[in-house]
Protein backbone atom coordinates (compact mmCIF):
# COMPACT_ATOMS: atom_id res chain seq x y z
CA MET A 1 -7.05 12.75 25.29
CA LYS A 2 -3.74 11.46 26.40
CA LEU A 3 -1.94 14.18 27.64
CA GLU A 4 1.81 14.16 26.85
CA TYR A 5 5.16 16.23 29.51
CA TRP A 6 8.07 15.93 27.96
CA TYR A 7 9.42 18.95 28.13
CA GLY A 8 9.52 20.02 23.85
CA VAL A 9 5.80 19.74 24.40
CA MET A 10 5.21 21.17 27.92
CA LYS A 11 7.29 24.46 26.33
CA ALA A 12 5.26 24.24 22.66
CA THR A 13 2.09 24.54 25.33
CA SER A 14 2.88 27.00 27.60
CA GLU A 15 3.67 29.64 24.31
CA LEU A 16 0.59 29.22 22.84
CA ALA A 17 -1.46 29.65 26.12
CA ALA A 18 1.29 32.63 26.78
CA ARG A 19 0.37 34.44 22.92
CA LYS A 20 -3.22 33.19 23.60
CA GLU A 21 -3.92 34.78 27.02
CA PHE A 22 -1.46 37.57 26.41
CA GLY A 23 -1.99 38.67 22.55
CA ASP A 24 1.12 38.11 20.51
CA ASP A 25 2.32 42.50 21.33
CA ARG A 26 3.13 41.24 25.30
CA THR A 27 4.31 37.82 24.90
CA ILE A 28 7.87 37.44 25.18
CA ILE A 29 9.06 33.81 23.45
CA VAL A 30 12.45 32.75 24.34
CA ARG A 31 14.23 29.28 23.24
CA PRO A 32 16.40 28.76 25.14
CA THR A 33 19.57 25.84 24.32
CA TYR A 34 21.50 24.16 26.28
CA MET A 35 22.52 26.09 29.38
CA ILE A 36 25.71 25.85 31.71
CA GLY A 37 26.82 27.43 34.73
CA PRO A 38 26.72 27.58 38.46
CA ALA A 39 24.13 25.81 40.13
CA ASP A 40 22.94 23.62 37.42
CA LYS A 41 21.32 20.19 39.49
CA THR A 42 21.85 18.35 35.90
CA ASN A 43 24.98 17.35 36.35
CA ARG A 44 24.97 18.08 32.16
CA PHE A 45 28.25 20.43 32.05
CA ILE A 46 30.40 19.54 34.80
CA HIS A 47 31.73 16.92 33.26
CA TRP A 48 34.18 19.95 31.58
CA PRO A 49 35.50 21.49 35.21
CA ILE A 50 35.87 18.87 36.95
CA ARG A 51 38.28 16.79 34.33
CA LEU A 52 39.39 20.62 32.39
CA SER A 53 41.19 21.86 36.25
CA LYS A 54 42.87 17.83 36.30
CA GLY A 55 44.95 18.64 33.05
CA GLY A 56 46.30 15.92 31.03
CA GLU A 57 44.87 13.49 28.30
CA ILE A 58 41.32 14.66 27.97
CA LEU A 59 39.09 12.67 25.19
CA VAL A 60 36.95 15.10 23.45
CA PRO A 61 33.72 12.62 21.48
CA GLY A 62 32.39 14.50 17.78
CA LYS A 63 34.73 15.48 14.94
CA PRO A 64 36.25 18.68 14.53
CA ASP A 65 34.03 20.13 12.71
CA ASP A 66 30.28 19.82 14.52
CA ARG A 67 29.14 22.25 16.26
CA VAL A 68 27.84 22.91 19.35
CA GLN A 69 25.45 25.09 20.70
CA TYR A 70 25.62 26.87 24.91
CA ALA A 71 24.61 29.60 26.77
CA ASP A 72 25.73 30.88 30.77
CA VAL A 73 22.28 30.84 32.21
CA ARG A 74 23.02 33.95 34.04
CA ASP A 75 23.78 35.35 30.37
CA ILE A 76 19.94 34.29 29.04
CA ALA A 77 18.46 35.63 32.97
CA GLU A 78 19.83 39.06 32.38
CA TRP A 79 18.98 39.32 28.74
CA MET A 80 15.15 38.10 29.70
CA ILE A 81 15.04 41.23 32.17
CA ARG A 82 16.31 43.32 30.11
CA LEU A 83 13.44 42.19 26.99
CA ILE A 84 11.23 42.75 29.73
CA GLU A 85 12.24 46.35 30.73
CA GLU A 86 12.43 47.48 27.69
CA LYS A 87 9.34 46.08 26.80
CA GLN A 88 10.62 43.91 23.67
CA THR A 89 8.20 41.29 22.67
CA GLY A 90 8.29 38.68 20.54
CA THR A 91 10.09 34.85 19.39
CA PHE A 92 13.67 34.88 20.20
CA ASN A 93 15.75 31.62 19.98
CA ALA A 94 18.23 31.53 23.05
CA ALA A 95 21.23 29.84 21.60
CA GLY A 96 25.13 30.76 22.34
CA PRO A 97 28.13 31.19 21.34
CA GLN A 98 27.70 34.48 19.58
CA THR A 99 29.13 33.17 16.58
CA LEU A 100 29.40 29.64 15.18
CA GLU A 101 31.67 27.61 17.02
CA THR A 102 33.45 23.94 16.18
CA ILE A 103 33.29 21.18 19.62
CA GLN A 104 37.44 21.15 19.04
CA GLU A 105 37.27 24.77 18.92
CA PHE A 106 35.06 25.04 22.56
CA ALA A 107 37.76 22.71 24.21
CA ALA A 108 40.78 25.35 22.37
CA ALA A 109 38.87 27.83 24.55
CA ALA A 110 37.61 25.27 27.98
CA GLY A 111 40.96 24.65 27.90
CA LYS A 112 42.99 27.81 28.70
CA THR A 113 40.92 28.41 32.58
CA PHE A 114 42.97 26.43 34.34
CA ASP A 115 47.29 26.34 34.00
CA VAL A 116 47.56 22.12 33.99
CA PRO A 117 49.33 20.85 30.82
CA THR A 118 46.72 20.23 28.80
CA SER A 119 46.14 17.61 25.78
CA PHE A 120 43.39 16.56 23.87
CA VAL A 121 41.84 13.49 21.85
CA GLN A 122 39.51 13.97 19.72
CA ILE A 123 37.61 10.45 18.43
CA ASP A 124 35.81 11.28 15.30
CA ASP A 125 34.17 7.60 14.86
CA TYR A 126 30.33 8.45 15.51
CA GLU A 127 29.78 3.95 15.64
CA PHE A 128 32.86 4.11 18.40
CA LEU A 129 31.43 6.70 20.10
CA GLU A 130 27.81 4.96 20.68
CA THR A 131 29.35 2.02 21.40
CA GLN A 132 31.17 3.58 24.24
CA LYS A 133 27.73 5.02 25.72
CA ILE A 134 28.59 8.03 24.83
CA SER A 135 26.10 10.64 22.20
CA TYR A 136 26.20 13.74 24.43
CA LEU A 137 28.46 15.25 26.38
CA VAL A 138 27.18 18.28 26.39
CA PRO A 139 27.22 20.87 24.82
CA TRP A 140 28.18 18.73 22.79
CA ILE A 141 24.99 16.22 21.34
CA MET A 142 25.99 13.34 17.93
CA PRO A 143 24.78 15.56 14.95
CA VAL A 144 22.13 11.74 14.24
CA GLY A 145 18.72 11.65 13.65
CA ASN A 146 16.06 14.00 15.93
CA ASN A 147 19.69 15.75 17.04
CA LYS A 148 21.51 16.60 13.47
CA TYR A 149 20.73 20.40 13.71
CA THR A 150 20.26 20.35 17.15
CA ALA A 151 23.52 23.14 17.48
CA GLY A 152 22.26 24.90 14.51
CA ILE A 153 20.25 27.40 15.60
CA ASP A 154 19.90 30.59 13.91
CA ASN A 155 20.68 33.73 17.50
CA LYS A 156 20.90 36.94 15.33
CA LYS A 157 16.98 37.66 16.87
CA ALA A 158 17.77 37.12 20.06
CA VAL A 159 21.55 38.57 19.44
CA ASP A 160 19.81 42.17 17.70
CA ALA A 161 18.31 42.78 21.00
CA GLY A 162 20.52 42.63 23.27
CA LEU A 163 21.65 39.06 23.99
CA ASN A 164 25.80 39.20 25.29
CA PHE A 165 27.97 36.05 25.77
CA ARG A 166 30.28 35.95 28.68
CA ASP A 167 33.96 34.25 27.90
CA LEU A 168 33.28 31.02 28.53
CA LYS A 169 36.77 30.61 31.00
CA THR A 170 34.34 32.85 33.09
CA THR A 171 32.05 30.01 32.87
CA ILE A 172 33.73 27.36 33.66
CA LYS A 173 35.65 28.70 36.04
CA ASP A 174 32.59 30.10 38.34
CA THR A 175 30.78 26.89 37.31
CA TYR A 176 33.85 24.56 39.15
CA ASP A 177 34.26 27.03 41.76
CA TRP A 178 30.33 26.45 43.05
CA TRP A 179 30.54 22.50 42.67
CA TYR A 180 34.04 23.10 45.16
CA SER A 181 31.80 25.05 47.26
CA ASP A 182 29.71 24.72 50.84
CA ALA A 183 26.53 25.15 47.90
CA LEU A 184 27.18 21.18 47.60
CA THR A 185 27.90 18.52 50.20
CA ASP A 186 31.10 16.37 49.92
CA GLU A 187 27.72 13.26 48.59
CA GLN A 188 26.73 15.69 46.01
CA ARG A 189 29.67 15.64 44.73
CA ASN A 190 30.45 12.03 45.38
CA LYS A 191 27.48 10.97 43.50
CA TYR A 192 28.77 12.20 40.08
CA GLU A 193 32.81 12.32 40.37
CA LEU A 194 32.63 8.78 41.82
CA ASP A 195 29.48 7.47 39.64
CA PRO A 196 31.34 4.03 37.61
CA GLN A 197 29.15 4.67 34.19
CA THR A 198 30.05 8.32 34.06
CA VAL A 199 32.76 10.00 30.73
CA LEU A 200 35.12 10.84 33.46
CA SER A 201 34.94 7.82 35.47
CA ARG A 202 35.56 5.72 32.25
CA GLU A 203 37.60 8.48 29.81
CA LYS A 204 41.25 6.23 30.48
CA GLU A 205 39.49 3.13 29.56
CA ILE A 206 38.06 4.99 26.96
CA LEU A 207 40.72 5.88 25.43
CA ASN A 208 42.95 3.09 25.83
CA SER A 209 40.38 1.07 24.09
CA TRP A 210 40.43 3.63 20.75
CA ALA A 211 44.22 2.96 20.36
CA GLU A 212 43.61 0.22 19.98
CA TYR A 213 39.85 0.46 17.54
CA SER A 214 42.25 3.28 15.73
CA LYS A 215 46.17 1.52 14.86
C-alpha cells in the first residue's frame, strides 16, 4: 500500500492513532488554523510586519469581504497547556480571531501597528491576482476551489474552552522585533527580503499594473 505524507494525511492519521491509543475520554485533538508570530520559520506572515513598518501605499489582496483566520502561536500553545492542566478532552478548531474578520478589517487593524502614514490598495480581481502569482498572502487565502472555505472554521467550541487571542498589533510588533533581532542572521533576513519573487519585492510593479488594468 502506498503511504501519503502530506500534512492533512499525517494530521488525520495522528488523530486516529491518539484516539486508538488513549481513547476518546483521554484525548485532546487540536486543529489549528494558520499560525503566526515570532520564530515562524515558514515566512508565511513576515510580509506584513516588514511592509507595514515602511508605510506608504500597501497592496491588499482579495475582495474586501473575504474572510481571514489566523492565530498567534503563543495563544494556541498556552491554551493547549491549560486544556491539559484542566483535564479537558475533545476536538477543537483552534482558529482566530475570536469574531468574524475580513481582509479589509485585518488590514485596517494591522495598519495601526506602526506610527507611519499608510494607505491601502485593495486588489479585488482574482484573475488579475492569479496572473501576478498571488494566490495567498497569509492570512488571506484566495477562497476558490479547495480553499473556498479555508477561513470559515467554527471556533466556538475552542473559545468556550478558554482559547483567547492577543491583540493583532502585539503579534505584528513582536514578530517584527523578532525578525530584526539577533535570533536571525542578516543572511536569513536577506534571503526573504531580497527575493525578487516575493510580493514584498514586486509590490510597486504589481500596483502599477493594477492601475493600468483597472482603468
